Amino acid sequence: MQAVKFSEDIIPLTDVKINPGKLVKQVADNHRPMLLTSRGRGVAVLQGIADFEARDEEQKFMRAIVQGLMELEEGREISLSDVKKQLNLGV
């Protein structure tokens, strides 16, 4: 995902009513989220579904890594052969 371009990616909520299809295409094509505002304040973010799903998967992956590192620090580890048994991968 690219960085937000403030000159292009902050849109008043009223603009969504005018041409929502254009805005949806814009976020899908440029892979940047769009901040929707009302009375000068941010109220929502419009993001392409592929970018949303990719970011969600990335967050889940990073959480799993952090969880694993925490378990290692706490001494809660199991051997590879035990993991294979748990996953029915055969040893």
Foldseek 3Di string as FASTA:
>chain_A
DDDDDVVPQEEEPVVCVVPVPVVQVVQVVVVYWHFYDYPPDTDDIHHHPVSVVVVVVVVVVVVVVVVVVVCVVVVNDDDPVVVCVVVVVHD
